[in-house]
Structures are given as C-alpha cells and as structure tokens.
PDB file of N, CA and C in Angstrom:
ATOM      1  N   MET A   1       9.549  -2.430  17.635  1.00  0.00           N
ATOM      2  CA  MET A   1       9.370  -1.441  16.589  1.00  0.00           C
ATOM      3  C   MET A   1       9.269  -2.125  15.218  1.00  0.00           C
ATOM      4  N   HIS A   2       9.938  -3.280  15.072  1.00  0.00           N
ATOM      5  CA  HIS A   2       9.895  -3.950  13.773  1.00  0.00           C
ATOM      6  C   HIS A   2       8.515  -4.525  13.478  1.00  0.00           C
ATOM      7  N   VAL A   3       7.776  -4.882  14.528  1.00  0.00           N
ATOM      8  CA  VAL A   3       6.409  -5.361  14.317  1.00  0.00           C
ATOM      9  C   VAL A   3       5.561  -4.225  13.761  1.00  0.00           C
ATOM     10  N   LYS A   4       5.712  -3.018  14.327  1.00  0.00           N
ATOM     11  CA  LYS A   4       4.979  -1.855  13.823  1.00  0.00           C
ATOM     12  C   LYS A   4       5.348  -1.579  12.375  1.00  0.00           C
ATOM     13  N   LYS A   5       6.643  -1.713  12.055  1.00  0.00           N
ATOM     14  CA  LYS A   5       7.102  -1.477  10.681  1.00  0.00           C
ATOM     15  C   LYS A   5       6.442  -2.474   9.737  1.00  0.00           C
ATOM     16  N   ASN A   6       6.411  -3.752  10.147  1.00  0.00           N
ATOM     17  CA  ASN A   6       5.823  -4.779   9.295  1.00  0.00           C
ATOM     18  C   ASN A   6       4.331  -4.554   9.088  1.00  0.00           C
ATOM     19  N   VAL A   7       3.620  -4.176  10.142  1.00  0.00           N
ATOM     20  CA  VAL A   7       2.182  -3.916  10.036  1.00  0.00           C
ATOM     21  C   VAL A   7       1.939  -2.720   9.126  1.00  0.00           C
ATOM     22  N   CYS A   8       2.680  -1.636   9.364  1.00  0.00           N
ATOM     23  CA  CYS A   8       2.501  -0.427   8.566  1.00  0.00           C
ATOM     24  C   CYS A   8       2.880  -0.685   7.109  1.00  0.00           C
ATOM     25  N   TYR A   9       3.974  -1.418   6.892  1.00  0.00           N
ATOM     26  CA  TYR A   9       4.425  -1.726   5.533  1.00  0.00           C
ATOM     27  C   TYR A   9       3.368  -2.548   4.789  1.00  0.00           C
ATOM     28  N   SER A  10       2.793  -3.542   5.463  1.00  0.00           N
ATOM     29  CA  SER A  10       1.749  -4.362   4.835  1.00  0.00           C
ATOM     30  C   SER A  10       0.511  -3.530   4.531  1.00  0.00           C
ATOM     31  N   LEU A  11       0.141  -2.654   5.459  1.00  0.00           N
ATOM     32  CA  LEU A  11      -1.030  -1.808   5.272  1.00  0.00           C
ATOM     33  C   LEU A  11      -0.831  -0.840   4.106  1.00  0.00           C
ATOM     34  N   ILE A  12       0.307  -0.153   4.077  1.00  0.00           N
ATOM     35  CA  ILE A  12       0.594   0.789   2.997  1.00  0.00           C
ATOM     36  C   ILE A  12       0.680   0.052   1.661  1.00  0.00           C
ATOM     37  N   SER A  13       1.330  -1.110   1.651  1.00  0.00           N
ATOM     38  CA  SER A  13       1.455  -1.889   0.408  1.00  0.00           C
ATOM     39  C   SER A  13       0.098  -2.304  -0.126  1.00  0.00           C
ATOM     40  N   THR A  14      -0.812  -2.664   0.770  1.00  0.00           N
ATOM     41  CA  THR A  14      -2.149  -3.069   0.350  1.00  0.00           C
ATOM     42  C   THR A  14      -2.967  -1.880  -0.138  1.00  0.00           C
ATOM     43  N   LEU A  15      -2.904  -0.760   0.590  1.00  0.00           N
ATOM     44  CA  LEU A  15      -3.650   0.432   0.172  1.00  0.00           C
ATOM     45  C   LEU A  15      -3.166   0.966  -1.174  1.00  0.00           C
ATOM     46  N   LEU A  16      -1.847   0.950  -1.366  1.00  0.00           N
ATOM     47  CA  LEU A  16      -1.275   1.476  -2.603  1.00  0.00           C
ATOM     48  C   LEU A  16      -1.228   0.425  -3.710  1.00  0.00           C
ATOM     49  N   ASN A  17      -1.604  -0.806  -3.370  1.00  0.00           N
ATOM     50  CA  ASN A  17      -1.614  -1.921  -4.324  1.00  0.00           C
ATOM     51  C   ASN A  17      -0.248  -2.076  -4.992  1.00  0.00           C
ATOM     52  N   ILE A  18       0.802  -2.155  -4.168  1.00  0.00           N
ATOM     53  CA  ILE A  18       2.167  -2.309  -4.674  1.00  0.00           C
ATOM     54  C   ILE A  18       2.345  -3.737  -5.146  1.00  0.00           C
ATOM     55  N   ASN A  19       2.694  -3.890  -6.401  1.00  0.00           N
ATOM     56  CA  ASN A  19       2.818  -5.191  -7.034  1.00  0.00           C
ATOM     57  C   ASN A  19       3.815  -6.072  -6.282  1.00  0.00           C
ATOM     58  N   GLY A  20       3.391  -7.265  -5.889  1.00  0.00           N
ATOM     59  CA  GLY A  20       4.249  -8.210  -5.200  1.00  0.00           C
ATOM     60  C   GLY A  20       4.350  -7.978  -3.700  1.00  0.00           C
ATOM     61  N   LYS A  21       3.842  -6.864  -3.195  1.00  0.00           N
ATOM     62  CA  LYS A  21       3.941  -6.549  -1.772  1.00  0.00           C
ATOM     63  C   LYS A  21       2.579  -6.552  -1.079  1.00  0.00           C
ATOM     64  N   THR A  22       1.515  -6.439  -1.828  1.00  0.00           N
ATOM     65  CA  THR A  22       0.186  -6.389  -1.245  1.00  0.00           C
ATOM     66  C   THR A  22      -0.222  -7.768  -0.725  1.00  0.00           C
ATOM     67  N   LYS A  23      -1.024  -7.770   0.297  1.00  0.00           N
ATOM     68  CA  LYS A  23      -1.540  -9.025   0.862  1.00  0.00           C
ATOM     69  C   LYS A  23      -2.836  -9.435   0.177  1.00  0.00           C
ATOM     70  N   ASP A  24      -3.308  -8.618  -0.754  1.00  0.00           N
ATOM     71  CA  ASP A  24      -4.542  -8.898  -1.477  1.00  0.00           C
ATOM     72  C   ASP A  24      -4.179  -9.530  -2.816  1.00  0.00           C
ATOM     73  N   GLY A  25      -4.193 -10.839  -2.868  1.00  0.00           N
ATOM     74  CA  GLY A  25      -3.816 -11.549  -4.092  1.00  0.00           C
ATOM     75  C   GLY A  25      -4.846 -12.592  -4.462  1.00  0.00           C
ATOM     76  N   ILE A  26      -4.465 -13.428  -5.405  1.00  0.00           N
ATOM     77  CA  ILE A  26      -5.371 -14.480  -5.902  1.00  0.00           C
ATOM     78  C   ILE A  26      -5.811 -15.403  -4.762  1.00  0.00           C
ATOM     79  N   ASN A  27      -4.853 -15.833  -3.942  1.00  0.00           N
ATOM     80  CA  ASN A  27      -5.204 -16.765  -2.862  1.00  0.00           C
ATOM     81  C   ASN A  27      -6.168 -16.133  -1.863  1.00  0.00           C
ATOM     82  N   ALA A  28      -5.973 -14.865  -1.538  1.00  0.00           N
ATOM     83  CA  ALA A  28      -6.885 -14.184  -0.622  1.00  0.00           C
ATOM     84  C   ALA A  28      -8.282 -14.094  -1.232  1.00  0.00           C
ATOM     85  N   ARG A  29      -8.345 -13.812  -2.521  1.00  0.00           N
ATOM     86  CA  ARG A  29      -9.648 -13.709  -3.190  1.00  0.00           C
ATOM     87  C   ARG A  29     -10.331 -15.074  -3.272  1.00  0.00           C
ATOM     88  N   LEU A  30      -9.551 -16.131  -3.510  1.00  0.00           N
ATOM     89  CA  LEU A  30     -10.130 -17.475  -3.554  1.00  0.00           C
ATOM     90  C   LEU A  30     -10.640 -17.883  -2.172  1.00  0.00           C
ATOM     91  N   ASP A  31      -9.961 -17.436  -1.123  1.00  0.00           N
ATOM     92  CA  ASP A  31     -10.440 -17.694   0.235  1.00  0.00           C
ATOM     93  C   ASP A  31     -11.792 -17.025   0.472  1.00  0.00           C
ATOM     94  N   LEU A  32     -11.976 -15.816  -0.069  1.00  0.00           N
ATOM     95  CA  LEU A  32     -13.265 -15.136   0.063  1.00  0.00           C
ATOM     96  C   LEU A  32     -14.382 -15.934  -0.590  1.00  0.00           C
ATOM     97  N   ILE A  33     -14.091 -16.512  -1.757  1.00  0.00           N
ATOM     98  CA  ILE A  33     -15.098 -17.329  -2.451  1.00  0.00           C
ATOM     99  C   ILE A  33     -15.434 -18.556  -1.611  1.00  0.00           C
ATOM    100  N   GLU A  34     -14.393 -19.170  -1.053  1.00  0.00           N
ATOM    101  CA  GLU A  34     -14.595 -20.373  -0.239  1.00  0.00           C
ATOM    102  C   GLU A  34     -15.444 -20.076   1.000  1.00  0.00           C
ATOM    103  N   MET A  35     -15.299 -18.882   1.555  1.00  0.00           N
ATOM    104  CA  MET A  35     -16.070 -18.498   2.733  1.00  0.00           C
ATOM    105  C   MET A  35     -17.435 -17.912   2.368  1.00  0.00           C
ATOM    106  N   ASN A  36     -17.739 -17.827   1.074  1.00  0.00           N
ATOM    107  CA  ASN A  36     -19.009 -17.287   0.569  1.00  0.00           C
ATOM    108  C   ASN A  36     -19.253 -15.844   1.006  1.00  0.00           C
ATOM    109  N   ILE A  37     -18.206 -15.019   0.932  1.00  0.00           N
ATOM    110  CA  ILE A  37     -18.355 -13.595   1.222  1.00  0.00           C
ATOM    111  C   ILE A  37     -17.731 -12.782   0.105  1.00  0.00           C
ATOM    112  N   ARG A  38     -18.235 -11.587  -0.093  1.00  0.00           N
ATOM    113  CA  ARG A  38     -17.702 -10.619  -1.061  1.00  0.00           C
ATOM    114  C   ARG A  38     -17.556 -11.215  -2.469  1.00  0.00           C
ATOM    115  N   ASP A  39     -18.653 -11.730  -2.985  1.00  0.00           N
ATOM    116  CA  ASP A  39     -18.641 -12.332  -4.322  1.00  0.00           C
ATOM    117  C   ASP A  39     -18.193 -11.353  -5.402  1.00  0.00           C
ATOM    118  N   GLU A  40     -18.399 -10.038  -5.174  1.00  0.00           N
ATOM    119  CA  GLU A  40     -18.015  -9.040  -6.174  1.00  0.00           C
ATOM    120  C   GLU A  40     -16.496  -8.913  -6.319  1.00  0.00           C
ATOM    121  N   LEU A  41     -15.734  -9.492  -5.377  1.00  0.00           N
ATOM    122  CA  LEU A  41     -14.275  -9.426  -5.443  1.00  0.00           C
ATOM    123  C   LEU A  41     -13.644 -10.699  -6.004  1.00  0.00           C
ATOM    124  N   ALA A  42     -14.474 -11.603  -6.498  1.00  0.00           N
ATOM    125  CA  ALA A  42     -13.962 -12.863  -7.048  1.00  0.00           C
ATOM    126  C   ALA A  42     -13.082 -12.598  -8.272  1.00  0.00           C
ATOM    127  N   PRO A  43     -11.991 -13.364  -8.419  1.00  0.00           N
ATOM    128  CA  PRO A  43     -11.129 -13.200  -9.592  1.00  0.00           C
ATOM    129  C   PRO A  43     -11.897 -13.504 -10.877  1.00  0.00           C
ATOM    130  N   ILE A  44     -11.602 -12.741 -11.918  1.00  0.00           N
ATOM    131  CA  ILE A  44     -12.252 -12.920 -13.216  1.00  0.00           C
ATOM    132  C   ILE A  44     -11.194 -13.394 -14.206  1.00  0.00           C
ATOM    133  N   GLU A  45     -11.437 -14.534 -14.829  1.00  0.00           N
ATOM    134  CA  GLU A  45     -10.471 -15.062 -15.796  1.00  0.00           C
ATOM    135  C   GLU A  45     -10.829 -14.567 -17.189  1.00  0.00           C
ATOM    136  N   MET A  46      -9.836 -13.945 -17.849  1.00  0.00           N
ATOM    137  CA  MET A  46      -9.998 -13.459 -19.220  1.00  0.00           C
ATOM    138  C   MET A  46      -8.886 -14.071 -20.051  1.00  0.00           C
ATOM    139  N   GLY A  47      -9.211 -15.177 -20.711  1.00  0.00           N
ATOM    140  CA  GLY A  47      -8.195 -15.872 -21.497  1.00  0.00           C
ATOM    141  C   GLY A  47      -7.153 -16.486 -20.576  1.00  0.00           C
ATOM    142  N   LYS A  48      -5.897 -16.120 -20.800  1.00  0.00           N
ATOM    143  CA  LYS A  48      -4.809 -16.648 -19.977  1.00  0.00           C
ATOM    144  C   LYS A  48      -4.545 -15.808 -18.730  1.00  0.00           C
ATOM    145  N   ARG A  49      -5.188 -14.663 -18.625  1.00  0.00           N
ATOM    146  CA  ARG A  49      -4.959 -13.756 -17.497  1.00  0.00           C
ATOM    147  C   ARG A  49      -6.100 -13.825 -16.486  1.00  0.00           C
ATOM    148  N   THR A  50      -5.763 -13.502 -15.259  1.00  0.00           N
ATOM    149  CA  THR A  50      -6.762 -13.412 -14.196  1.00  0.00           C
ATOM    150  C   THR A  50      -6.803 -11.973 -13.721  1.00  0.00           C
ATOM    151  N   TYR A  51      -7.981 -11.396 -13.702  1.00  0.00           N
ATOM    152  CA  TYR A  51      -8.192 -10.000 -13.313  1.00  0.00           C
ATOM    153  C   TYR A  51      -8.793  -9.960 -11.915  1.00  0.00           C
ATOM    154  N   LEU A  52      -8.210  -9.127 -11.054  1.00  0.00           N
ATOM    155  CA  LEU A  52      -8.756  -8.929  -9.716  1.00  0.00           C
ATOM    156  C   LEU A  52      -9.479  -7.587  -9.681  1.00  0.00           C
ATOM    157  N   PRO A  53     -10.796  -7.591  -9.466  1.00  0.00           N
ATOM    158  CA  PRO A  53     -11.524  -6.324  -9.387  1.00  0.00           C
ATOM    159  C   PRO A  53     -10.975  -5.464  -8.255  1.00  0.00           C
ATOM    160  N   PRO A  54     -10.977  -4.146  -8.420  1.00  0.00           N
ATOM    161  CA  PRO A  54     -10.449  -3.281  -7.358  1.00  0.00           C
ATOM    162  C   PRO A  54     -11.325  -3.337  -6.105  1.00  0.00           C
ATOM    163  N   THR A  55     -10.670  -3.229  -4.972  1.00  0.00           N
ATOM    164  CA  THR A  55     -11.391  -3.235  -3.698  1.00  0.00           C
ATOM    165  C   THR A  55     -11.721  -1.802  -3.293  1.00  0.00           C
ATOM    166  N   CYS A  56     -12.566  -1.667  -2.301  1.00  0.00           N
ATOM    167  CA  CYS A  56     -12.965  -0.327  -1.856  1.00  0.00           C
ATOM    168  C   CYS A  56     -11.824   0.402  -1.146  1.00  0.00           C
ATOM    169  N   TYR A  57     -10.839  -0.324  -0.652  1.00  0.00           N
ATOM    170  CA  TYR A  57      -9.745   0.311   0.086  1.00  0.00           C
ATOM    171  C   TYR A  57      -8.492   0.551  -0.766  1.00  0.00           C
ATOM    172  N   THR A  58      -8.459   0.060  -1.979  1.00  0.00           N
ATOM    173  CA  THR A  58      -7.313   0.280  -2.856  1.00  0.00           C
ATOM    174  C   THR A  58      -7.417   1.675  -3.462  1.00  0.00           C
ATOM    175  N   MET A  59      -6.318   2.411  -3.423  1.00  0.00           N
ATOM    176  CA  MET A  59      -6.316   3.789  -3.910  1.00  0.00           C
ATOM    177  C   MET A  59      -6.247   3.845  -5.432  1.00  0.00           C
ATOM    178  N   SER A  60      -6.973   4.802  -6.009  1.00  0.00           N
ATOM    179  CA  SER A  60      -6.875   5.054  -7.447  1.00  0.00           C
ATOM    180  C   SER A  60      -5.577   5.816  -7.703  1.00  0.00           C
ATOM    181  N   LYS A  61      -5.233   6.022  -8.953  1.00  0.00           N
ATOM    182  CA  LYS A  61      -3.999   6.739  -9.281  1.00  0.00           C
ATOM    183  C   LYS A  61      -4.025   8.165  -8.739  1.00  0.00           C
ATOM    184  N   ASP A  62      -5.156   8.841  -8.865  1.00  0.00           N
ATOM    185  CA  ASP A  62      -5.273  10.211  -8.343  1.00  0.00           C
ATOM    186  C   ASP A  62      -5.110  10.241  -6.820  1.00  0.00           C
ATOM    187  N   GLU A  63      -5.688   9.246  -6.137  1.00  0.00           N
ATOM    188  CA  GLU A  63      -5.553   9.173  -4.679  1.00  0.00           C
ATOM    189  C   GLU A  63      -4.109   8.893  -4.273  1.00  0.00           C
ATOM    190  N   LYS A  64      -3.428   8.033  -5.049  1.00  0.00           N
ATOM    191  CA  LYS A  64      -2.012   7.750  -4.772  1.00  0.00           C
ATOM    192  C   LYS A  64      -1.170   9.010  -4.934  1.00  0.00           C
ATOM    193  N   ILE A  65      -1.415   9.757  -6.000  1.00  0.00           N
ATOM    194  CA  ILE A  65      -0.662  10.995  -6.236  1.00  0.00           C
ATOM    195  C   ILE A  65      -0.892  11.965  -5.081  1.00  0.00           C
ATOM    196  N   SER A  66      -2.138  12.076  -4.641  1.00  0.00           N
ATOM    197  CA  SER A  66      -2.466  12.956  -3.522  1.00  0.00           C
ATOM    198  C   SER A  66      -1.761  12.497  -2.240  1.00  0.00           C
ATOM    199  N   PHE A  67      -1.732  11.201  -1.996  1.00  0.00           N
ATOM    200  CA  PHE A  67      -1.058  10.643  -0.813  1.00  0.00           C
ATOM    201  C   PHE A  67       0.437  10.946  -0.848  1.00  0.00           C
ATOM    202  N   TYR A  68       1.069  10.710  -1.995  1.00  0.00           N
ATOM    203  CA  TYR A  68       2.504  10.965  -2.118  1.00  0.00           C
ATOM    204  C   TYR A  68       2.818  12.458  -2.019  1.00  0.00           C
ATOM    205  N   GLN A  69       1.957  13.305  -2.558  1.00  0.00           N
ATOM    206  CA  GLN A  69       2.162  14.745  -2.428  1.00  0.00           C
ATOM    207  C   GLN A  69       2.049  15.179  -0.970  1.00  0.00           C
ATOM    208  N   CYS A  70       1.129  14.566  -0.249  1.00  0.00           N
ATOM    209  CA  CYS A  70       0.992  14.853   1.182  1.00  0.00           C
ATOM    210  C   CYS A  70       2.266  14.451   1.921  1.00  0.00           C
ATOM    211  N   LEU A  71       2.794  13.261   1.625  1.00  0.00           N
ATOM    212  CA  LEU A  71       4.039  12.821   2.260  1.00  0.00           C
ATOM    213  C   LEU A  71       5.208  13.717   1.868  1.00  0.00           C
ATOM    214  N   LYS A  72       5.202  14.167   0.630  1.00  0.00           N
ATOM    215  CA  LYS A  72       6.274  15.047   0.147  1.00  0.00           C
ATOM    216  C   LYS A  72       6.280  16.370   0.917  1.00  0.00           C
ATOM    217  N   GLY A  73       5.129  16.787   1.412  1.00  0.00           N
ATOM    218  CA  GLY A  73       5.027  18.048   2.125  1.00  0.00           C
ATOM    219  C   GLY A  73       5.161  17.944   3.640  1.00  0.00           C
ATOM    220  N   VAL A  74       5.391  16.715   4.145  1.00  0.00           N
ATOM    221  CA  VAL A  74       5.502  16.521   5.595  1.00  0.00           C
ATOM    222  C   VAL A  74       6.779  17.167   6.121  1.00  0.00           C
ATOM    223  N   LYS A  75       6.623  17.905   7.213  1.00  0.00           N
ATOM    224  CA  LYS A  75       7.778  18.504   7.886  1.00  0.00           C
ATOM    225  C   LYS A  75       7.803  17.971   9.314  1.00  0.00           C
ATOM    226  N   VAL A  76       8.956  17.452   9.717  1.00  0.00           N
ATOM    227  CA  VAL A  76       9.119  16.945  11.072  1.00  0.00           C
ATOM    228  C   VAL A  76      10.305  17.655  11.719  1.00  0.00           C
ATOM    229  N   PRO A  77      10.342  17.706  13.049  1.00  0.00           N
ATOM    230  CA  PRO A  77      11.482  18.334  13.717  1.00  0.00           C
ATOM    231  C   PRO A  77      12.788  17.632  13.347  1.00  0.00           C
ATOM    232  N   GLN A  78      13.864  18.383  13.297  1.00  0.00           N
ATOM    233  CA  GLN A  78      15.163  17.823  12.941  1.00  0.00           C
ATOM    234  C   GLN A  78      15.536  16.720  13.928  1.00  0.00           C
ATOM    235  N   GLY A  79      15.949  15.580  13.393  1.00  0.00           N
ATOM    236  CA  GLY A  79      16.343  14.444  14.209  1.00  0.00           C
ATOM    237  C   GLY A  79      15.190  13.550  14.629  1.00  0.00           C
ATOM    238  N   HIS A  80      13.950  13.945  14.328  1.00  0.00           N
ATOM    239  CA  HIS A  80      12.779  13.154  14.718  1.00  0.00           C
ATOM    240  C   HIS A  80      12.628  11.916  13.843  1.00  0.00           C
ATOM    241  N   SER A  81      12.876  12.066  12.561  1.00  0.00           N
ATOM    242  CA  SER A  81      12.838  10.947  11.609  1.00  0.00           C
ATOM    243  C   SER A  81      13.627  11.361  10.377  1.00  0.00           C
ATOM    244  N   SER A  82      13.669  10.485   9.396  1.00  0.00           N
ATOM    245  CA  SER A  82      14.351  10.805   8.149  1.00  0.00           C
ATOM    246  C   SER A  82      13.641  11.953   7.444  1.00  0.00           C
ATOM    247  N   ASN A  83      14.329  12.574   6.512  1.00  0.00           N
ATOM    248  CA  ASN A  83      13.724  13.606   5.689  1.00  0.00           C
ATOM    249  C   ASN A  83      12.774  12.913   4.716  1.00  0.00           C
ATOM    250  N   VAL A  84      11.490  12.927   5.045  1.00  0.00           N
ATOM    251  CA  VAL A  84      10.488  12.179   4.278  1.00  0.00           C
ATOM    252  C   VAL A  84      10.441  12.646   2.832  1.00  0.00           C
ATOM    253  N   LYS A  85      10.691  13.938   2.592  1.00  0.00           N
ATOM    254  CA  LYS A  85      10.665  14.467   1.220  1.00  0.00           C
ATOM    255  C   LYS A  85      11.606  13.697   0.306  1.00  0.00           C
ATOM    256  N   SER A  86      12.765  13.321   0.835  1.00  0.00           N
ATOM    257  CA  SER A  86      13.760  12.641   0.010  1.00  0.00           C
ATOM    258  C   SER A  86      13.449  11.154  -0.177  1.00  0.00           C
ATOM    259  N   LEU A  87      12.494  10.619   0.559  1.00  0.00           N
ATOM    260  CA  LEU A  87      12.151   9.199   0.478  1.00  0.00           C
ATOM    261  C   LEU A  87      10.949   8.923  -0.423  1.00  0.00           C
ATOM    262  N   VAL A  88      10.369   9.982  -0.976  1.00  0.00           N
ATOM    263  CA  VAL A  88       9.182   9.842  -1.826  1.00  0.00           C
ATOM    264  C   VAL A  88       9.575  10.110  -3.271  1.00  0.00           C
ATOM    265  N   SER A  89       9.281   9.148  -4.147  1.00  0.00           N
ATOM    266  CA  SER A  89       9.536   9.315  -5.574  1.00  0.00           C
ATOM    267  C   SER A  89       8.206   9.596  -6.275  1.00  0.00           C
ATOM    268  N   MET A  90       8.042  10.838  -6.740  1.00  0.00           N
ATOM    269  CA  MET A  90       6.790  11.206  -7.415  1.00  0.00           C
ATOM    270  C   MET A  90       6.729  10.646  -8.833  1.00  0.00           C
ATOM    271  N   GLN A  91       7.891  10.426  -9.472  1.00  0.00           N
ATOM    272  CA  GLN A  91       7.897   9.894 -10.838  1.00  0.00           C
ATOM    273  C   GLN A  91       7.419   8.438 -10.853  1.00  0.00           C
ATOM    274  N   ASP A  92       7.925   7.639  -9.895  1.00  0.00           N
ATOM    275  CA  ASP A  92       7.591   6.219  -9.852  1.00  0.00           C
ATOM    276  C   ASP A  92       6.430   5.912  -8.909  1.00  0.00           C
ATOM    277  N   LEU A  93       5.986   6.929  -8.144  1.00  0.00           N
ATOM    278  CA  LEU A  93       4.983   6.745  -7.100  1.00  0.00           C
ATOM    279  C   LEU A  93       5.397   5.613  -6.168  1.00  0.00           C
ATOM    280  N   LYS A  94       6.579   5.799  -5.537  1.00  0.00           N
ATOM    281  CA  LYS A  94       7.125   4.798  -4.628  1.00  0.00           C
ATOM    282  C   LYS A  94       7.697   5.465  -3.393  1.00  0.00           C
ATOM    283  N   LEU A  95       7.764   4.678  -2.323  1.00  0.00           N
ATOM    284  CA  LEU A  95       8.468   5.075  -1.111  1.00  0.00           C
ATOM    285  C   LEU A  95       9.818   4.367  -1.154  1.00  0.00           C
ATOM    286  N   ILE A  96      10.895   5.123  -1.041  1.00  0.00           N
ATOM    287  CA  ILE A  96      12.226   4.554  -1.193  1.00  0.00           C
ATOM    288  C   ILE A  96      13.025   4.755   0.097  1.00  0.00           C
ATOM    289  N   GLY A  97      13.497   3.664   0.674  1.00  0.00           N
ATOM    290  CA  GLY A  97      14.402   3.747   1.808  1.00  0.00           C
ATOM    291  C   GLY A  97      13.768   4.067   3.148  1.00  0.00           C
ATOM    292  N   PHE A  98      12.494   3.768   3.322  1.00  0.00           N
ATOM    293  CA  PHE A  98      11.870   3.986   4.628  1.00  0.00           C
ATOM    294  C   PHE A  98      12.483   3.020   5.637  1.00  0.00           C
ATOM    295  N   LYS A  99      12.784   3.519   6.823  1.00  0.00           N
ATOM    296  CA  LYS A  99      13.327   2.708   7.903  1.00  0.00           C
ATOM    297  C   LYS A  99      12.203   2.423   8.901  1.00  0.00           C
ATOM    298  N   PRO A 100      12.416   1.447   9.809  1.00  0.00           N
ATOM    299  CA  PRO A 100      11.351   1.120  10.774  1.00  0.00           C
ATOM    300  C   PRO A 100      10.840   2.332  11.546  1.00  0.00           C
ATOM    301  N   HIS A 101      11.713   3.231  11.936  1.00  0.00           N
ATOM    302  CA  HIS A 101      11.268   4.409  12.685  1.00  0.00           C
ATOM    303  C   HIS A 101      10.397   5.316  11.807  1.00  0.00           C
ATOM    304  N   ASP A 102      10.711   5.384  10.517  1.00  0.00           N
ATOM    305  CA  ASP A 102       9.910   6.201   9.601  1.00  0.00           C
ATOM    306  C   ASP A 102       8.492   5.644   9.480  1.00  0.00           C
ATOM    307  N   TYR A 103       8.357   4.309   9.444  1.00  0.00           N
ATOM    308  CA  TYR A 103       7.032   3.709   9.408  1.00  0.00           C
ATOM    309  C   TYR A 103       6.292   3.967  10.720  1.00  0.00           C
ATOM    310  N   HIS A 104       7.030   3.961  11.826  1.00  0.00           N
ATOM    311  CA  HIS A 104       6.433   4.265  13.123  1.00  0.00           C
ATOM    312  C   HIS A 104       5.875   5.690  13.119  1.00  0.00           C
ATOM    313  N   ILE A 105       6.637   6.636  12.604  1.00  0.00           N
ATOM    314  CA  ILE A 105       6.202   8.034  12.516  1.00  0.00           C
ATOM    315  C   ILE A 105       5.001   8.144  11.584  1.00  0.00           C
ATOM    316  N   LEU A 106       5.025   7.415  10.470  1.00  0.00           N
ATOM    317  CA  LEU A 106       3.914   7.436   9.511  1.00  0.00           C
ATOM    318  C   LEU A 106       2.635   6.912  10.161  1.00  0.00           C
ATOM    319  N   MET A 107       2.748   5.881  10.984  1.00  0.00           N
ATOM    320  CA  MET A 107       1.564   5.330  11.653  1.00  0.00           C
ATOM    321  C   MET A 107       0.979   6.335  12.640  1.00  0.00           C
ATOM    322  N   GLN A 108       1.845   7.115  13.274  1.00  0.00           N
ATOM    323  CA  GLN A 108       1.348   8.088  14.237  1.00  0.00           C
ATOM    324  C   GLN A 108       0.674   9.218  13.517  1.00  0.00           C
TER     325      GLN A 108
END
C-alpha cells in the first residue's frame, strides 16, 4: 500500500506543482534538453533566477481550486477512509494529513 501512496503522492504533487515535492524540476528539464525533446520546456534564465515554463499537465490556480473543491465535497462510507473534507485546506490549497489508505482511495 505504501508504494501506491508514494506513486499517488508524486503524481498529485506534480499535477498541483507543490513546491519542493514535484518531480518536475531543473534537473528533469535539463535532462529533456540533453535528450533533444520538448524544447519548449527548457529552463529560461532571467538574471539570477531560472524560470520553468508551465507544462501541459500542471494545473492552473483555477483548476487547483476546482480540484480541492471536488475533494472537499467527497463523501465516503463511514470507516472507509478518513474524512476527506477535514484534510483539505482551501485557504492554503493544500492536502493536510493524508494517510496511505487515503491516497489509495484517491487513486481509485
């Protein structure tokens, strides 16, 4: 079950572009350049900062809000999983306290 949690956590982190948790970073983008694929995703240097263009699978802010609102409205049978409503923070747009079984339910 922990493998499913790790896969789901990595997938959600990448889709939501969670800072420090996403697998889409500078090194991944540099690997794309080295393999001569997806040139439009190459890092762009602006002064001292490096900008990563958004990918087609990264959610916009409106899409993130819609996703979190959907999770906030999820109803599951009692004892099936945690109360998902209480694990979603709409102010911070974060998932708080998800357990491996909750990620398993989310994947299903």
